[in-house]
PDB file of N, CA and C in Angstrom:
ATOM      1  N   MET A   1    -254.850  75.895 -28.333  1.00  0.00           N
ATOM      2  CA  MET A   1    -255.732  76.378 -26.758  1.00  0.00           C
ATOM      3  C   MET A   1    -256.739  75.511 -26.437  1.00  0.00           C
ATOM      4  N   PRO A   2    -256.671  74.488 -25.906  1.00  0.00           N
ATOM      5  CA  PRO A   2    -257.984  73.536 -25.829  1.00  0.00           C
ATOM      6  C   PRO A   2    -258.985  74.357 -25.023  1.00  0.00           C
ATOM      7  N   GLN A   3    -258.954  75.268 -23.809  1.00  0.00           N
ATOM      8  CA  GLN A   3    -259.932  76.198 -23.325  1.00  0.00           C
ATOM      9  C   GLN A   3    -260.938  76.834 -23.773  1.00  0.00           C
ATOM     10  N   LEU A   4    -260.487  77.069 -25.093  1.00  0.00           N
ATOM     11  CA  LEU A   4    -260.957  77.844 -26.403  1.00  0.00           C
ATOM     12  C   LEU A   4    -262.325  77.164 -27.223  1.00  0.00           C
ATOM     13  N   ASN A   5    -261.936  75.725 -27.016  1.00  0.00           N
ATOM     14  CA  ASN A   5    -262.905  74.854 -27.721  1.00  0.00           C
ATOM     15  C   ASN A   5    -264.392  74.795 -27.081  1.00  0.00           C
ATOM     16  N   PRO A   6    -265.479  75.294 -27.151  1.00  0.00           N
ATOM     17  CA  PRO A   6    -266.570  75.572 -26.441  1.00  0.00           C
ATOM     18  C   PRO A   6    -267.101  73.882 -26.932  1.00  0.00           C
ATOM     19  N   ASP A   7    -266.871  72.991 -27.475  1.00  0.00           N
ATOM     20  CA  ASP A   7    -267.503  71.964 -27.678  1.00  0.00           C
ATOM     21  C   ASP A   7    -268.199  70.992 -26.342  1.00  0.00           C
ATOM     22  N   PRO A   8    -267.071  70.582 -25.518  1.00  0.00           N
ATOM     23  CA  PRO A   8    -267.524  69.709 -24.421  1.00  0.00           C
ATOM     24  C   PRO A   8    -268.356  70.725 -23.382  1.00  0.00           C
ATOM     25  N   TRP A   9    -267.998  72.255 -23.481  1.00  0.00           N
ATOM     26  CA  TRP A   9    -268.278  72.983 -22.004  1.00  0.00           C
ATOM     27  C   TRP A   9    -269.851  73.462 -22.454  1.00  0.00           C
ATOM     28  N   PHE A  10    -269.877  73.873 -23.475  1.00  0.00           N
ATOM     29  CA  PHE A  10    -271.489  73.669 -24.171  1.00  0.00           C
ATOM     30  C   PHE A  10    -272.128  73.120 -23.841  1.00  0.00           C
ATOM     31  N   PHE A  11    -272.118  71.885 -23.752  1.00  0.00           N
ATOM     32  CA  PHE A  11    -273.105  70.602 -23.579  1.00  0.00           C
ATOM     33  C   PHE A  11    -273.023  70.518 -22.247  1.00  0.00           C
ATOM     34  N   ILE A  12    -271.982  70.765 -21.488  1.00  0.00           N
ATOM     35  CA  ILE A  12    -272.335  70.754 -19.929  1.00  0.00           C
ATOM     36  C   ILE A  12    -273.110  71.770 -19.537  1.00  0.00           C
ATOM     37  N   LEU A  13    -273.031  73.085 -19.932  1.00  0.00           N
ATOM     38  CA  LEU A  13    -273.504  74.094 -19.666  1.00  0.00           C
ATOM     39  C   LEU A  13    -275.313  73.520 -20.158  1.00  0.00           C
ATOM     40  N   VAL A  14    -275.345  73.374 -21.309  1.00  0.00           N
ATOM     41  CA  VAL A  14    -276.798  72.898 -21.463  1.00  0.00           C
ATOM     42  C   VAL A  14    -277.596  71.758 -20.838  1.00  0.00           C
ATOM     43  N   PHE A  15    -276.640  70.873 -20.436  1.00  0.00           N
ATOM     44  CA  PHE A  15    -277.141  69.730 -19.628  1.00  0.00           C
ATOM     45  C   PHE A  15    -277.433  70.065 -18.411  1.00  0.00           C
ATOM     46  N   SER A  16    -276.537  71.233 -17.513  1.00  0.00           N
ATOM     47  CA  SER A  16    -276.930  71.706 -16.312  1.00  0.00           C
ATOM     48  C   SER A  16    -278.237  72.382 -16.144  1.00  0.00           C
ATOM     49  N   TRP A  17    -278.272  73.433 -17.224  1.00  0.00           N
ATOM     50  CA  TRP A  17    -279.651  73.820 -17.272  1.00  0.00           C
ATOM     51  C   TRP A  17    -280.777  73.328 -17.298  1.00  0.00           C
ATOM     52  N   LEU A  18    -280.686  72.079 -18.369  1.00  0.00           N
ATOM     53  CA  LEU A  18    -281.736  71.535 -18.130  1.00  0.00           C
ATOM     54  C   LEU A  18    -281.884  70.946 -16.899  1.00  0.00           C
ATOM     55  N   VAL A  19    -281.077  70.404 -16.281  1.00  0.00           N
ATOM     56  CA  VAL A  19    -281.335  69.836 -14.616  1.00  0.00           C
ATOM     57  C   VAL A  19    -281.901  70.711 -13.902  1.00  0.00           C
ATOM     58  N   PHE A  20    -281.698  72.005 -14.052  1.00  0.00           N
ATOM     59  CA  PHE A  20    -281.877  72.889 -13.095  1.00  0.00           C
ATOM     60  C   PHE A  20    -283.467  73.631 -13.634  1.00  0.00           C
ATOM     61  N   LEU A  21    -283.878  73.290 -14.747  1.00  0.00           N
ATOM     62  CA  LEU A  21    -285.224  73.958 -15.139  1.00  0.00           C
ATOM     63  C   LEU A  21    -285.998  72.940 -15.416  1.00  0.00           C
ATOM     64  N   LEU A  22    -286.149  71.610 -15.521  1.00  0.00           N
ATOM     65  CA  LEU A  22    -286.568  70.849 -15.983  1.00  0.00           C
ATOM     66  C   LEU A  22    -286.828  69.482 -14.757  1.00  0.00           C
ATOM     67  N   VAL A  23    -285.426  69.465 -14.168  1.00  0.00           N
ATOM     68  CA  VAL A  23    -285.720  68.237 -12.844  1.00  0.00           C
ATOM     69  C   VAL A  23    -285.654  68.843 -11.590  1.00  0.00           C
ATOM     70  N   LEU A  24    -285.315  69.757 -11.198  1.00  0.00           N
ATOM     71  CA  LEU A  24    -285.194  70.365  -9.670  1.00  0.00           C
ATOM     72  C   LEU A  24    -286.843  70.894  -9.393  1.00  0.00           C
ATOM     73  N   PRO A  25    -287.133  71.820 -10.201  1.00  0.00           N
ATOM     74  CA  PRO A  25    -288.550  72.557  -9.824  1.00  0.00           C
ATOM     75  C   PRO A  25    -289.568  71.664  -9.359  1.00  0.00           C
ATOM     76  N   PRO A  26    -289.847  70.488 -10.005  1.00  0.00           N
ATOM     77  CA  PRO A  26    -291.238  69.625  -9.545  1.00  0.00           C
ATOM     78  C   PRO A  26    -290.613  69.159  -8.082  1.00  0.00           C
ATOM     79  N   LYS A  27    -289.693  68.556  -7.926  1.00  0.00           N
ATOM     80  CA  LYS A  27    -288.852  67.977  -6.690  1.00  0.00           C
ATOM     81  C   LYS A  27    -288.972  69.083  -5.661  1.00  0.00           C
ATOM     82  N   VAL A  28    -288.613  70.094  -6.022  1.00  0.00           N
ATOM     83  CA  VAL A  28    -288.591  71.726  -5.021  1.00  0.00           C
ATOM     84  C   VAL A  28    -289.955  71.941  -4.812  1.00  0.00           C
ATOM     85  N   MET A  29    -291.010  71.942  -5.674  1.00  0.00           N
ATOM     86  CA  MET A  29    -292.391  72.246  -5.319  1.00  0.00           C
ATOM     87  C   MET A  29    -293.191  71.094  -4.793  1.00  0.00           C
ATOM     88  N   ALA A  30    -292.677  69.942  -4.992  1.00  0.00           N
ATOM     89  CA  ALA A  30    -293.722  68.733  -4.124  1.00  0.00           C
ATOM     90  C   ALA A  30    -292.964  68.534  -2.868  1.00  0.00           C
ATOM     91  N   HIS A  31    -291.996  69.180  -2.310  1.00  0.00           N
ATOM     92  CA  HIS A  31    -291.690  68.736  -0.422  1.00  0.00           C
ATOM     93  C   HIS A  31    -292.806  69.848  -0.006  1.00  0.00           C
ATOM     94  N   SER A  32    -293.264  68.996   0.752  1.00  0.00           N
ATOM     95  CA  SER A  32    -293.835  69.439   1.892  1.00  0.00           C
ATOM     96  C   SER A  32    -293.199  69.565   3.235  1.00  0.00           C
ATOM     97  N   PHE A  33    -293.840  70.466   4.285  1.00  0.00           N
ATOM     98  CA  PHE A  33    -292.717  70.563   5.631  1.00  0.00           C
ATOM     99  C   PHE A  33    -294.046  69.679   6.909  1.00  0.00           C
ATOM    100  N   PRO A  34    -293.110  69.324   7.305  1.00  0.00           N
ATOM    101  CA  PRO A  34    -293.862  68.276   8.323  1.00  0.00           C
ATOM    102  C   PRO A  34    -294.798  68.898   9.416  1.00  0.00           C
ATOM    103  N   ASN A  35    -294.502  70.255   9.717  1.00  0.00           N
ATOM    104  CA  ASN A  35    -295.064  70.889  10.682  1.00  0.00           C
ATOM    105  C   ASN A  35    -296.028  72.258  10.520  1.00  0.00           C
ATOM    106  N   ASP A  36    -296.734  71.994   9.350  1.00  0.00           N
ATOM    107  CA  ASP A  36    -297.402  73.132   8.351  1.00  0.00           C
ATOM    108  C   ASP A  36    -298.466  73.624   9.407  1.00  0.00           C
ATOM    109  N   PRO A  37    -298.244  74.479   9.810  1.00  0.00           N
ATOM    110  CA  PRO A  37    -299.644  75.625  10.662  1.00  0.00           C
ATOM    111  C   PRO A  37    -300.543  75.431  10.232  1.00  0.00           C
ATOM    112  N   ALA A  38    -301.449  75.032  11.479  1.00  0.00           N
ATOM    113  CA  ALA A  38    -303.104  74.894  10.815  1.00  0.00           C
ATOM    114  C   ALA A  38    -303.832  76.281  11.193  1.00  0.00           C
ATOM    115  N   PRO A  39    -304.865  76.622  10.044  1.00  0.00           N
ATOM    116  CA  PRO A  39    -305.136  77.699  10.314  1.00  0.00           C
ATOM    117  C   PRO A  39    -305.948  77.721  11.414  1.00  0.00           C
ATOM    118  N   GLN A  40    -306.171  79.146  12.111  1.00  0.00           N
ATOM    119  CA  GLN A  40    -306.942  79.630  13.166  1.00  0.00           C
ATOM    120  C   GLN A  40    -308.321  79.846  12.816  1.00  0.00           C
ATOM    121  N   SER A  41    -309.157  79.761  13.711  1.00  0.00           N
ATOM    122  CA  SER A  41    -310.742  80.297  13.296  1.00  0.00           C
ATOM    123  C   SER A  41    -310.539  81.484  13.118  1.00  0.00           C
ATOM    124  N   VAL A  42    -311.447  81.815  11.942  1.00  0.00           N
ATOM    125  CA  VAL A  42    -311.600  83.306  11.681  1.00  0.00           C
ATOM    126  C   VAL A  42    -312.567  84.601  12.059  1.00  0.00           C
ATOM    127  N   LYS A  43    -313.074  83.281  12.934  1.00  0.00           N
ATOM    128  CA  LYS A  43    -313.862  84.623  13.767  1.00  0.00           C
ATOM    129  C   LYS A  43    -313.100  85.415  14.836  1.00  0.00           C
ATOM    130  N   LYS A  44    -313.791  86.588  14.496  1.00  0.00           N
ATOM    131  CA  LYS A  44    -313.147  87.540  15.349  1.00  0.00           C
ATOM    132  C   LYS A  44    -313.771  87.467  16.952  1.00  0.00           C
ATOM    133  N   THR A  45    -312.797  87.844  18.013  1.00  0.00           N
ATOM    134  CA  THR A  45    -313.634  88.079  19.391  1.00  0.00           C
ATOM    135  C   THR A  45    -313.583  89.600  19.416  1.00  0.00           C
ATOM    136  N   LYS A  46    -314.914  90.098  20.271  1.00  0.00           N
ATOM    137  CA  LYS A  46    -315.211  91.265  20.779  1.00  0.00           C
ATOM    138  C   LYS A  46    -314.152  91.806  21.301  1.00  0.00           C
ATOM    139  N   ALA A  47    -314.046  93.013  21.186  1.00  0.00           N
ATOM    140  CA  ALA A  47    -312.887  93.720  22.033  1.00  0.00           C
ATOM    141  C   ALA A  47    -313.785  94.313  23.188  1.00  0.00           C
ATOM    142  N   ASP A  48    -313.525  93.882  24.909  1.00  0.00           N
ATOM    143  CA  ASP A  48    -314.440  94.645  25.364  1.00  0.00           C
ATOM    144  C   ASP A  48    -313.836  96.405  25.706  1.00  0.00           C
ATOM    145  N   SER A  49    -314.311  97.197  25.870  1.00  0.00           N
ATOM    146  CA  SER A  49    -314.213  98.667  25.829  1.00  0.00           C
ATOM    147  C   SER A  49    -313.969  98.720  27.694  1.00  0.00           C
ATOM    148  N   TRP A  50    -313.132  99.865  27.639  1.00  0.00           N
ATOM    149  CA  TRP A  50    -312.417  99.922  29.379  1.00  0.00           C
ATOM    150  C   TRP A  50    -313.340 100.338  29.972  1.00  0.00           C
ATOM    151  N   ASN A  51    -313.865 100.059  31.169  1.00  0.00           N
ATOM    152  CA  ASN A  51    -314.682 101.152  31.955  1.00  0.00           C
ATOM    153  C   ASN A  51    -314.226 101.631  33.336  1.00  0.00           C
ATOM    154  N   TRP A  52    -312.733 101.783  32.887  1.00  0.00           N
ATOM    155  CA  TRP A  52    -312.361 102.379  34.122  1.00  0.00           C
ATOM    156  C   TRP A  52    -312.626 104.030  34.627  1.00  0.00           C
ATOM    157  N   PRO A  53    -312.820 104.249  35.484  1.00  0.00           N
ATOM    158  CA  PRO A  53    -313.051 105.821  35.900  1.00  0.00           C
ATOM    159  C   PRO A  53    -311.703 106.800  35.385  1.00  0.00           C
ATOM    160  N   TRP A  54    -312.170 107.514  34.723  1.00  0.00           N
ATOM    161  CA  TRP A  54    -310.836 108.814  34.607  1.00  0.00           C
ATOM    162  C   TRP A  54    -310.948 109.752  35.542  1.00  0.00           C
ATOM    163  N   HIS A  55    -309.966 109.577  36.218  1.00  0.00           N
ATOM    164  CA  HIS A  55    -309.813 110.826  37.460  1.00  0.00           C
ATOM    165  C   HIS A  55    -308.651 111.715  36.651  1.00  0.00           C
TER     166      HIS A  55
END
């Protein structure tokens, strides 16, 4: 039964895992988004307290 012969399929398995582990991660990590959000100022605004009369 030829499908029980692991010789060609093992090579395909190993080669595909090498592609997934060695080739693709640097390509994915090098991707940058074109509209990267700019960080806003870290200065906090002072919240004014309410001066409403409580009736």
